[in-house]
Amino acid sequence: MNESRLSAVRVVLFEPQDPINIGATIRAMKNMGASRLRLVRPVAYDPFRLAGVAHDTQELIDAIEHFDDLDAALSDCVRVAGFTARRRAAKRQILSPRECAGDLLDFAEGGPVALLFGREDKGLPNEALDRAHTVVTIPTTEHASLNLAQAVLIALYELHLSADDATRKLAPPRKVADPPSSAQLELLFADARKALAEIELFKTRNDEHVMRSLRTLIYRAAPDGRELDLVRAMAIEVVRTLERERKMRGEG
């Protein structure tokens, strides 16, 4: 199997302050197919506690890289996207996470690319954002402050979709029923008419209008043969139940 395009992605957290956010970031990486986390001057943390937050991610935890300065963490990256929620004085183009994903994957053909996130309390300082080749802001309401790990998840989600090579393929249903024939449909409508007549729905409603509406509804729903048989069985059981009740009353 060919390596995913996401193997070129480096998630870089600049001075993260909460071990829980580091663990939640690892979990997001596992979910979305990224595997390389770089920490610049992080808070002290216990790897065992990270595994408690991010289950089944030991290989990512073991691969965490630590750096004393940001330049070293980004030195091999050919493209760096810095995430910020604050307006900056410099007039730089601001990308959305989706635009950023396409941009990074284009550059990933030539080497590692980085998603850069700042501290939980202040985000990226200007000196750190200067290292970013492009700036990204996640659209929000006026309440723009996002949890660090949530921001990482949003960025990785867009990358995951854009890469289109990491999503697990869901198996189809074990048995796929064929579409119903016209004859099956007519049997349903006949039994449905009997059931509705039994509950005296047509005493207050025009039977032709009701049945025409039912036809329209079923056609629009486009049930498969198995689903259609289930609906027909419901109609038949209505009639049978009412017949049994009548017999019981007659015996009494």
C-alpha atoms as a PDB file:
ATOM      1  CA  MET A   1       0.000   0.000   0.000  1.00  0.00           C
ATOM      2  CA  ASN A   2       1.341   3.434  -0.930  1.00  0.00           C
ATOM      3  CA  GLU A   3       2.094   5.855   1.874  1.00  0.00           C
ATOM      4  CA  SER A   4      -0.580   8.448   2.545  1.00  0.00           C
ATOM      5  CA  ARG A   5       0.044  12.018   1.489  1.00  0.00           C
ATOM      6  CA  LEU A   6      -0.534  12.909   5.129  1.00  0.00           C
ATOM      7  CA  SER A   7       2.761  11.278   6.056  1.00  0.00           C
ATOM      8  CA  ALA A   8       4.403  14.587   5.077  1.00  0.00           C
ATOM      9  CA  VAL A   9       2.387  16.535   7.668  1.00  0.00           C
ATOM     10  CA  ARG A  10       4.034  17.696  10.892  1.00  0.00           C
ATOM     11  CA  VAL A  11       1.827  19.038  13.680  1.00  0.00           C
ATOM     12  CA  VAL A  12       3.866  21.593  15.639  1.00  0.00           C
ATOM     13  CA  LEU A  13       2.651  22.846  19.022  1.00  0.00           C
ATOM     14  CA  PHE A  14       4.507  25.903  20.271  1.00  0.00           C
ATOM     15  CA  GLU A  15       4.737  25.932  24.081  1.00  0.00           C
ATOM     16  CA  PRO A  16       1.586  23.907  24.823  1.00  0.00           C
ATOM     17  CA  GLN A  17       0.561  24.395  28.456  1.00  0.00           C
ATOM     18  CA  ASP A  18      -1.842  21.540  29.138  1.00  0.00           C
ATOM     19  CA  PRO A  19      -0.939  17.838  28.795  1.00  0.00           C
ATOM     20  CA  ILE A  20      -4.598  17.068  28.109  1.00  0.00           C
ATOM     21  CA  ASN A  21      -4.418  19.172  24.944  1.00  0.00           C
ATOM     22  CA  ILE A  22      -1.296  17.314  23.873  1.00  0.00           C
ATOM     23  CA  GLY A  23      -3.133  14.028  24.354  1.00  0.00           C
ATOM     24  CA  ALA A  24      -6.233  15.270  22.551  1.00  0.00           C
ATOM     25  CA  THR A  25      -4.049  16.479  19.684  1.00  0.00           C
ATOM     26  CA  ILE A  26      -2.551  13.003  19.377  1.00  0.00           C
ATOM     27  CA  ARG A  27      -6.030  11.531  19.317  1.00  0.00           C
ATOM     28  CA  ALA A  28      -7.052  13.905  16.533  1.00  0.00           C
ATOM     29  CA  MET A  29      -3.925  12.954  14.590  1.00  0.00           C
ATOM     30  CA  LYS A  30      -4.758   9.262  14.914  1.00  0.00           C
ATOM     31  CA  ASN A  31      -8.331   9.888  13.749  1.00  0.00           C
ATOM     32  CA  MET A  32      -7.257  11.899  10.719  1.00  0.00           C
ATOM     33  CA  GLY A  33      -4.164  10.043   9.564  1.00  0.00           C
ATOM     34  CA  ALA A  34      -1.289  12.297  10.701  1.00  0.00           C
ATOM     35  CA  SER A  35       1.518  10.703  12.677  1.00  0.00           C
ATOM     36  CA  ARG A  36       4.287  13.219  13.418  1.00  0.00           C
ATOM     37  CA  LEU A  37       3.951  15.558  16.396  1.00  0.00           C
ATOM     38  CA  ARG A  38       6.588  18.135  17.282  1.00  0.00           C
ATOM     39  CA  LEU A  39       6.551  19.986  20.602  1.00  0.00           C
ATOM     40  CA  VAL A  40       8.450  23.208  21.212  1.00  0.00           C
ATOM     41  CA  ARG A  41       9.143  23.828  24.905  1.00  0.00           C
ATOM     42  CA  PRO A  42       6.045  21.966  26.119  1.00  0.00           C
ATOM     43  CA  VAL A  43       4.753  21.708  29.654  1.00  0.00           C
ATOM     44  CA  ALA A  44       6.078  18.662  31.493  1.00  0.00           C
ATOM     45  CA  TYR A  45       3.878  15.648  30.847  1.00  0.00           C
ATOM     46  CA  ASP A  46       3.657  11.941  31.567  1.00  0.00           C
ATOM     47  CA  PRO A  47       3.478   9.814  28.377  1.00  0.00           C
ATOM     48  CA  PHE A  48       1.332   7.302  30.264  1.00  0.00           C
ATOM     49  CA  ARG A  49      -1.250  10.018  30.912  1.00  0.00           C
ATOM     50  CA  LEU A  50      -1.232  10.931  27.217  1.00  0.00           C
ATOM     51  CA  ALA A  51      -2.159   7.359  26.382  1.00  0.00           C
ATOM     52  CA  GLY A  52      -5.067   7.685  28.801  1.00  0.00           C
ATOM     53  CA  VAL A  53      -6.430  10.603  26.798  1.00  0.00           C
ATOM     54  CA  ALA A  54      -5.566   9.164  23.387  1.00  0.00           C
ATOM     55  CA  HIS A  55      -6.204   5.433  23.446  1.00  0.00           C
ATOM     56  CA  ASP A  56      -4.348   3.130  21.042  1.00  0.00           C
ATOM     57  CA  THR A  57      -1.866   5.817  19.976  1.00  0.00           C
ATOM     58  CA  GLN A  58       1.344   4.550  21.574  1.00  0.00           C
ATOM     59  CA  GLU A  59       3.215   4.636  18.289  1.00  0.00           C
ATOM     60  CA  LEU A  60       2.441   8.359  17.925  1.00  0.00           C
ATOM     61  CA  ILE A  61       3.401   9.073  21.516  1.00  0.00           C
ATOM     62  CA  ASP A  62       6.714   7.226  21.101  1.00  0.00           C
ATOM     63  CA  ALA A  63       7.446   9.288  17.969  1.00  0.00           C
ATOM     64  CA  ILE A  64       6.920  12.728  19.564  1.00  0.00           C
ATOM     65  CA  GLU A  65       9.833  15.058  18.807  1.00  0.00           C
ATOM     66  CA  HIS A  66      10.937  17.767  21.246  1.00  0.00           C
ATOM     67  CA  PHE A  67      12.627  21.042  20.349  1.00  0.00           C
ATOM     68  CA  ASP A  68      14.073  23.914  22.316  1.00  0.00           C
ATOM     69  CA  ASP A  69      13.297  26.496  19.640  1.00  0.00           C
ATOM     70  CA  LEU A  70      10.792  26.888  16.854  1.00  0.00           C
ATOM     71  CA  ASP A  71      13.324  27.341  14.045  1.00  0.00           C
ATOM     72  CA  ALA A  72      14.723  23.890  14.740  1.00  0.00           C
ATOM     73  CA  ALA A  73      11.235  22.368  14.727  1.00  0.00           C
ATOM     74  CA  LEU A  74      10.488  23.874  11.318  1.00  0.00           C
ATOM     75  CA  SER A  75      13.926  23.627   9.729  1.00  0.00           C
ATOM     76  CA  ASP A  76      13.091  20.810   7.265  1.00  0.00           C
ATOM     77  CA  CYS A  77       9.570  22.007   6.393  1.00  0.00           C
ATOM     78  CA  VAL A  78       8.966  23.364   2.907  1.00  0.00           C
ATOM     79  CA  ARG A  79       5.636  24.972   3.860  1.00  0.00           C
ATOM     80  CA  VAL A  80       4.372  26.188   7.238  1.00  0.00           C
ATOM     81  CA  ALA A  81       0.788  27.190   7.996  1.00  0.00           C
ATOM     82  CA  GLY A  82       0.387  29.216  11.191  1.00  0.00           C
ATOM     83  CA  PHE A  83      -3.026  29.220  12.863  1.00  0.00           C
ATOM     84  CA  THR A  84      -4.233  32.356  14.633  1.00  0.00           C
ATOM     85  CA  ALA A  85      -7.553  33.845  15.707  1.00  0.00           C
ATOM     86  CA  ARG A  86      -6.216  37.360  16.294  1.00  0.00           C
ATOM     87  CA  ARG A  87      -5.993  40.191  13.810  1.00  0.00           C
ATOM     88  CA  ARG A  88      -2.379  41.101  13.090  1.00  0.00           C
ATOM     89  CA  ALA A  89      -0.925  44.389  11.905  1.00  0.00           C
ATOM     90  CA  ALA A  90       0.882  42.841   8.943  1.00  0.00           C
ATOM     91  CA  LYS A  91      -1.270  42.617   5.828  1.00  0.00           C
ATOM     92  CA  ARG A  92      -0.944  38.919   5.107  1.00  0.00           C
ATOM     93  CA  GLN A  93      -3.303  36.761   3.114  1.00  0.00           C
ATOM     94  CA  ILE A  94      -5.579  34.787   5.431  1.00  0.00           C
ATOM     95  CA  LEU A  95      -6.575  31.296   4.366  1.00  0.00           C
ATOM     96  CA  SER A  96      -9.411  29.113   5.613  1.00  0.00           C
ATOM     97  CA  PRO A  97      -8.557  25.607   6.865  1.00  0.00           C
ATOM     98  CA  ARG A  98      -9.866  24.149   3.596  1.00  0.00           C
ATOM     99  CA  GLU A  99      -7.743  26.466   1.477  1.00  0.00           C
ATOM    100  CA  CYS A 100      -4.792  25.719   3.723  1.00  0.00           C
ATOM    101  CA  ALA A 101      -5.230  21.973   3.205  1.00  0.00           C
ATOM    102  CA  GLY A 102      -4.965  22.261  -0.557  1.00  0.00           C
ATOM    103  CA  ASP A 103      -1.987  24.588  -0.270  1.00  0.00           C
ATOM    104  CA  LEU A 104      -0.059  22.290   2.074  1.00  0.00           C
ATOM    105  CA  LEU A 105      -0.724  19.165   0.048  1.00  0.00           C
ATOM    106  CA  ASP A 106       0.605  20.879  -3.070  1.00  0.00           C
ATOM    107  CA  PHE A 107       3.861  21.591  -1.263  1.00  0.00           C
ATOM    108  CA  ALA A 108       3.939  18.152   0.399  1.00  0.00           C
ATOM    109  CA  GLU A 109       5.144  16.688  -2.880  1.00  0.00           C
ATOM    110  CA  GLY A 110       8.484  18.379  -2.170  1.00  0.00           C
ATOM    111  CA  GLY A 111       8.987  17.665   1.532  1.00  0.00           C
ATOM    112  CA  PRO A 112       7.502  17.952   5.018  1.00  0.00           C
ATOM    113  CA  VAL A 113       4.815  20.561   5.681  1.00  0.00           C
ATOM    114  CA  ALA A 114       3.743  21.916   9.054  1.00  0.00           C
ATOM    115  CA  LEU A 115       0.594  22.956  10.885  1.00  0.00           C
ATOM    116  CA  LEU A 116       1.760  25.424  13.548  1.00  0.00           C
ATOM    117  CA  PHE A 117      -0.304  26.195  16.659  1.00  0.00           C
ATOM    118  CA  GLY A 118       0.459  28.438  19.622  1.00  0.00           C
ATOM    119  CA  ARG A 119      -0.097  28.483  23.363  1.00  0.00           C
ATOM    120  CA  GLU A 120      -3.548  27.989  24.828  1.00  0.00           C
ATOM    121  CA  ASP A 121      -3.551  31.410  26.510  1.00  0.00           C
ATOM    122  CA  LYS A 122      -2.052  33.701  23.867  1.00  0.00           C
ATOM    123  CA  GLY A 123      -1.772  31.735  20.642  1.00  0.00           C
ATOM    124  CA  LEU A 124       1.257  32.299  18.431  1.00  0.00           C
ATOM    125  CA  PRO A 125       3.379  35.363  19.195  1.00  0.00           C
ATOM    126  CA  ASN A 126       4.271  37.536  16.215  1.00  0.00           C
ATOM    127  CA  GLU A 127       7.839  36.222  16.217  1.00  0.00           C
ATOM    128  CA  ALA A 128       6.547  32.670  15.818  1.00  0.00           C
ATOM    129  CA  LEU A 129       3.942  33.620  13.215  1.00  0.00           C
ATOM    130  CA  ASP A 130       6.732  35.245  11.196  1.00  0.00           C
ATOM    131  CA  ARG A 131       8.002  31.713  10.535  1.00  0.00           C
ATOM    132  CA  ALA A 132       4.717  30.757   8.878  1.00  0.00           C
ATOM    133  CA  HIS A 133       4.572  30.982   5.098  1.00  0.00           C
ATOM    134  CA  THR A 134       0.805  31.299   5.225  1.00  0.00           C
ATOM    135  CA  VAL A 135      -1.649  32.321   7.952  1.00  0.00           C
ATOM    136  CA  VAL A 136      -4.862  30.439   8.689  1.00  0.00           C
ATOM    137  CA  THR A 137      -7.937  31.514  10.650  1.00  0.00           C
ATOM    138  CA  ILE A 138     -10.771  29.138  11.503  1.00  0.00           C
ATOM    139  CA  PRO A 139     -14.138  30.836  10.840  1.00  0.00           C
ATOM    140  CA  THR A 140     -16.131  31.266  14.062  1.00  0.00           C
ATOM    141  CA  THR A 141     -18.647  33.586  15.669  1.00  0.00           C
ATOM    142  CA  GLU A 142     -17.447  36.627  17.592  1.00  0.00           C
ATOM    143  CA  HIS A 143     -16.268  34.138  20.213  1.00  0.00           C
ATOM    144  CA  ALA A 144     -13.128  33.239  18.277  1.00  0.00           C
ATOM    145  CA  SER A 145     -11.130  31.426  20.945  1.00  0.00           C
ATOM    146  CA  LEU A 146     -10.938  27.702  20.189  1.00  0.00           C
ATOM    147  CA  ASN A 147      -9.527  24.944  22.329  1.00  0.00           C
ATOM    148  CA  LEU A 148      -6.077  24.027  21.017  1.00  0.00           C
ATOM    149  CA  ALA A 149      -6.883  20.391  20.276  1.00  0.00           C
ATOM    150  CA  GLN A 150     -10.173  21.371  18.623  1.00  0.00           C
ATOM    151  CA  ALA A 151      -8.326  23.708  16.289  1.00  0.00           C
ATOM    152  CA  VAL A 152      -5.866  20.941  15.434  1.00  0.00           C
ATOM    153  CA  LEU A 153      -8.751  18.570  14.699  1.00  0.00           C
ATOM    154  CA  ILE A 154     -10.412  21.048  12.333  1.00  0.00           C
ATOM    155  CA  ALA A 155      -7.155  21.613  10.448  1.00  0.00           C
ATOM    156  CA  LEU A 156      -6.428  17.889  10.184  1.00  0.00           C
ATOM    157  CA  TYR A 157     -10.001  17.099   9.141  1.00  0.00           C
ATOM    158  CA  GLU A 158      -9.689  19.368   6.118  1.00  0.00           C
ATOM    159  CA  LEU A 159      -6.314  17.843   5.271  1.00  0.00           C
ATOM    160  CA  HIS A 160      -7.773  14.370   5.644  1.00  0.00           C
ATOM    161  CA  LEU A 161     -10.569  15.142   3.200  1.00  0.00           C
ATOM    162  CA  SER A 162      -8.272  16.864   0.731  1.00  0.00           C
ATOM    163  CA  ALA A 163      -5.750  14.017   0.766  1.00  0.00           C
ATOM    164  CA  ASP A 164      -8.511  11.535  -0.083  1.00  0.00           C
ATOM    165  CA  ASP A 165      -6.244   8.583   0.608  1.00  0.00           C
ATOM    166  CA  ALA A 166      -6.545   7.874   4.308  1.00  0.00           C
ATOM    167  CA  THR A 167     -10.262   7.442   4.979  1.00  0.00           C
ATOM    168  CA  ARG A 168     -11.253   3.918   5.910  1.00  0.00           C
ATOM    169  CA  LYS A 169     -13.669   2.313   3.489  1.00  0.00           C
ATOM    170  CA  LEU A 170     -16.912   1.175   5.038  1.00  0.00           C
ATOM    171  CA  ALA A 171     -18.051  -2.251   3.946  1.00  0.00           C
ATOM    172  CA  PRO A 172     -21.371  -2.356   2.081  1.00  0.00           C
ATOM    173  CA  PRO A 173     -24.400  -4.005   3.754  1.00  0.00           C
ATOM    174  CA  ARG A 174     -24.071  -7.766   3.939  1.00  0.00           C
ATOM    175  CA  LYS A 175     -27.149  -8.220   1.797  1.00  0.00           C
ATOM    176  CA  VAL A 176     -28.261  -5.587  -0.668  1.00  0.00           C
ATOM    177  CA  ALA A 177     -31.905  -6.092  -1.566  1.00  0.00           C
ATOM    178  CA  ASP A 178     -33.073  -5.556  -5.113  1.00  0.00           C
ATOM    179  CA  PRO A 179     -35.453  -2.701  -5.893  1.00  0.00           C
ATOM    180  CA  PRO A 180     -39.116  -3.721  -5.785  1.00  0.00           C
ATOM    181  CA  SER A 181     -40.983  -4.568  -8.957  1.00  0.00           C
ATOM    182  CA  SER A 182     -44.177  -2.846 -10.008  1.00  0.00           C
ATOM    183  CA  ALA A 183     -46.073  -5.977  -8.979  1.00  0.00           C
ATOM    184  CA  GLN A 184     -44.611  -5.787  -5.450  1.00  0.00           C
ATOM    185  CA  LEU A 185     -45.558  -2.134  -5.217  1.00  0.00           C
ATOM    186  CA  GLU A 186     -49.136  -2.845  -6.244  1.00  0.00           C
ATOM    187  CA  LEU A 187     -49.408  -5.583  -3.617  1.00  0.00           C
ATOM    188  CA  LEU A 188     -48.277  -3.074  -0.996  1.00  0.00           C
ATOM    189  CA  PHE A 189     -50.809  -0.476  -2.091  1.00  0.00           C
ATOM    190  CA  ALA A 190     -53.606  -3.052  -2.091  1.00  0.00           C
ATOM    191  CA  ASP A 191     -52.803  -4.232   1.422  1.00  0.00           C
ATOM    192  CA  ALA A 192     -52.308  -0.652   2.623  1.00  0.00           C
ATOM    193  CA  ARG A 193     -55.767   0.240   1.285  1.00  0.00           C
ATOM    194  CA  LYS A 194     -57.277  -2.703   3.213  1.00  0.00           C
ATOM    195  CA  ALA A 195     -55.534  -1.652   6.423  1.00  0.00           C
ATOM    196  CA  LEU A 196     -56.629   1.966   6.117  1.00  0.00           C
ATOM    197  CA  ALA A 197     -60.167   0.862   5.390  1.00  0.00           C
ATOM    198  CA  GLU A 198     -60.118  -1.388   8.480  1.00  0.00           C
ATOM    199  CA  ILE A 199     -59.193   1.539  10.730  1.00  0.00           C
ATOM    200  CA  GLU A 200     -61.891   3.597   8.969  1.00  0.00           C
ATOM    201  CA  LEU A 201     -59.537   6.294   7.763  1.00  0.00           C
ATOM    202  CA  PHE A 202     -61.575   6.703   4.602  1.00  0.00           C
ATOM    203  CA  LYS A 203     -64.681   7.743   6.572  1.00  0.00           C
ATOM    204  CA  THR A 204     -63.221  11.247   6.863  1.00  0.00           C
ATOM    205  CA  ARG A 205     -60.833  11.325   3.904  1.00  0.00           C
ATOM    206  CA  ASN A 206     -61.148  10.731   0.172  1.00  0.00           C
ATOM    207  CA  ASP A 207     -59.691   7.276  -0.468  1.00  0.00           C
ATOM    208  CA  GLU A 208     -58.334   8.147  -3.927  1.00  0.00           C
ATOM    209  CA  HIS A 209     -56.491  11.198  -2.622  1.00  0.00           C
ATOM    210  CA  VAL A 210     -55.066   9.249   0.322  1.00  0.00           C
ATOM    211  CA  MET A 211     -53.811   6.405  -1.844  1.00  0.00           C
ATOM    212  CA  ARG A 212     -52.363   8.771  -4.435  1.00  0.00           C
ATOM    213  CA  SER A 213     -50.455  10.582  -1.685  1.00  0.00           C
ATOM    214  CA  LEU A 214     -49.246   7.246  -0.313  1.00  0.00           C
ATOM    215  CA  ARG A 215     -47.998   6.261  -3.756  1.00  0.00           C
ATOM    216  CA  THR A 216     -46.133   9.536  -4.077  1.00  0.00           C
ATOM    217  CA  LEU A 217     -44.549   9.091  -0.665  1.00  0.00           C
ATOM    218  CA  ILE A 218     -43.405   5.514  -1.386  1.00  0.00           C
ATOM    219  CA  TYR A 219     -42.026   6.420  -4.805  1.00  0.00           C
ATOM    220  CA  ARG A 220     -40.086   9.321  -3.326  1.00  0.00           C
ATOM    221  CA  ALA A 221     -38.694   7.143  -0.530  1.00  0.00           C
ATOM    222  CA  ALA A 222     -37.531   4.552  -3.093  1.00  0.00           C
ATOM    223  CA  PRO A 223     -37.453   1.604  -0.647  1.00  0.00           C
ATOM    224  CA  ASP A 224     -35.667  -1.582  -1.636  1.00  0.00           C
ATOM    225  CA  GLY A 225     -37.595  -4.847  -1.856  1.00  0.00           C
ATOM    226  CA  ARG A 226     -36.891  -5.862   1.734  1.00  0.00           C
ATOM    227  CA  GLU A 227     -38.023  -2.500   3.104  1.00  0.00           C
ATOM    228  CA  LEU A 228     -41.167  -2.627   0.976  1.00  0.00           C
ATOM    229  CA  ASP A 229     -42.015  -6.100   2.268  1.00  0.00           C
ATOM    230  CA  LEU A 230     -41.674  -4.815   5.833  1.00  0.00           C
ATOM    231  CA  VAL A 231     -44.168  -1.989   5.209  1.00  0.00           C
ATOM    232  CA  ARG A 232     -46.546  -4.420   3.540  1.00  0.00           C
ATOM    233  CA  ALA A 233     -46.253  -6.817   6.499  1.00  0.00           C
ATOM    234  CA  MET A 234     -47.278  -3.961   8.799  1.00  0.00           C
ATOM    235  CA  ALA A 235     -50.399  -3.328   6.736  1.00  0.00           C
ATOM    236  CA  ILE A 236     -51.307  -7.018   6.658  1.00  0.00           C
ATOM    237  CA  GLU A 237     -50.839  -7.327  10.430  1.00  0.00           C
ATOM    238  CA  VAL A 238     -53.216  -4.404  11.018  1.00  0.00           C
ATOM    239  CA  VAL A 239     -55.941  -6.278   9.164  1.00  0.00           C
ATOM    240  CA  ARG A 240     -55.209  -9.586  10.920  1.00  0.00           C
ATOM    241  CA  THR A 241     -55.159  -8.002  14.364  1.00  0.00           C
ATOM    242  CA  LEU A 242     -58.512  -6.346  13.863  1.00  0.00           C
ATOM    243  CA  GLU A 243     -59.981  -9.618  12.525  1.00  0.00           C
ATOM    244  CA  ARG A 244     -58.768 -11.479  15.637  1.00  0.00           C
ATOM    245  CA  GLU A 245     -60.292  -8.868  17.894  1.00  0.00           C
ATOM    246  CA  ARG A 246     -63.638  -9.166  16.111  1.00  0.00           C
ATOM    247  CA  LYS A 247     -63.617 -12.941  16.524  1.00  0.00           C
ATOM    248  CA  MET A 248     -62.820 -12.619  20.214  1.00  0.00           C
ATOM    249  CA  ARG A 249     -65.689 -10.217  20.738  1.00  0.00           C
ATOM    250  CA  GLY A 250     -67.997 -12.552  18.838  1.00  0.00           C
ATOM    251  CA  GLU A 251     -67.021 -15.479  21.099  1.00  0.00           C
ATOM    252  CA  GLY A 252     -67.728 -13.373  24.153  1.00  0.00           C
END
